Amino acid sequence: MIDLLTVVIRQRYVAGGALPGACATLLTGLLLLGACSTSEEAYVDRPVDVLYNEAMDNLEAGDDKKAAKLFDEVERQHPYSSWATKAQLMAAYSHYIANQYDEAVAAADRFIELHPANPDVPYAYYLKALSYYERISDIHRDQEMTEQAKKVFEEIVARFPDSEYARDARLKVDLCNDHLAGKEMVIGRYYIQRGYYLAAINRFKSVIERYQSTTHTPEALLLLTEAYSALGIDGEARKTAAVLGYNFRKRRGMRMPTRWSVDRAPGREMSCPAAAEQEAPAVGAPAAGAEGEPMTGARRRC
């Protein structure tokens, strides 16, 4: 097509000598486009078993990016093969291993959308969640990835409570909550250090109400008490101090407010288990099992 356009342009303007500026620019662009197109790899139709096994060989050799491309090629050349379904999930895994997290999320989403009843859908959700979780930044930065990871982990717990990934998903939800509470505490401390007590109160109340089971709750209660006291809201300061004393007075190294009595019974005790990382299920590559069988991590040739 590019050659035909080139011929037409030359025939129309050959009598006038030089090409008009606009046409010359168009011709140059077309020629450059043709040069770029010739540099692309030529399409070669290959058997599905050859493609899939070559992708597995590259994955095992550590060339994760090339493996992902080859798994995508399996689906492109053999979309109706049973291996295409396996290749979709393997492509997502290869992108994850290669730290291409956006591509991993997109591939996992596509697998979930196309095969909602597949037994490996929980694995696809878990892979997607980890692709967000791996990008969680420190609490002084934006926490969008933390929110996204928490959302997908909660979906795993809700939709697949008996899967092998549910236990680790519950743990990581707690870890995400702890991280989000830490972000709120950073902002609250900033406000209280500069005397913006009302803004600080909102942040500390958010920690207590939304992230009550995190490790930040005692400090949030302490700083909330001090913020109320600074504003002269003595009734609320006294109540918050009582809650703090009832729940956390015996905690080693816990500083208590000195102005308010902490011996008054405040009511219900709040639990505050420390969120700790535990052993997670291995994020190994799903195996190429028979159609409809869960992938287990063992390689299988066609």
Foldseek 3Di string as FASTA:
>chain_A
DLVVVVVVQCVVCVVVPDHPPVVVVVNVVSVVVVVVVVPDDDDDQDDLLVLQVVLVVCVVVPVLVVSLVSLVVSCVRCVPDLSNLLSLQLSLLSCVSVLVLVSNLVSLVVSCVVCVPFPCNLLSLVSNLVSLVVPADALVDDGPSLVVSLVSLVVSCVPPVPDQQNVQSVLSNLVSLQRPLSNLQVVLVVCVVVPVLVSNLVSLVCCCPVVVQEPCNLVSLQVNLVSCVVVVVNVVSQLSLLLSLVAPVPPPPRDGDDPHDNPDHNDDHTHHDYRDDDDGPDSARFEDDDRRDTGDRDHDGD
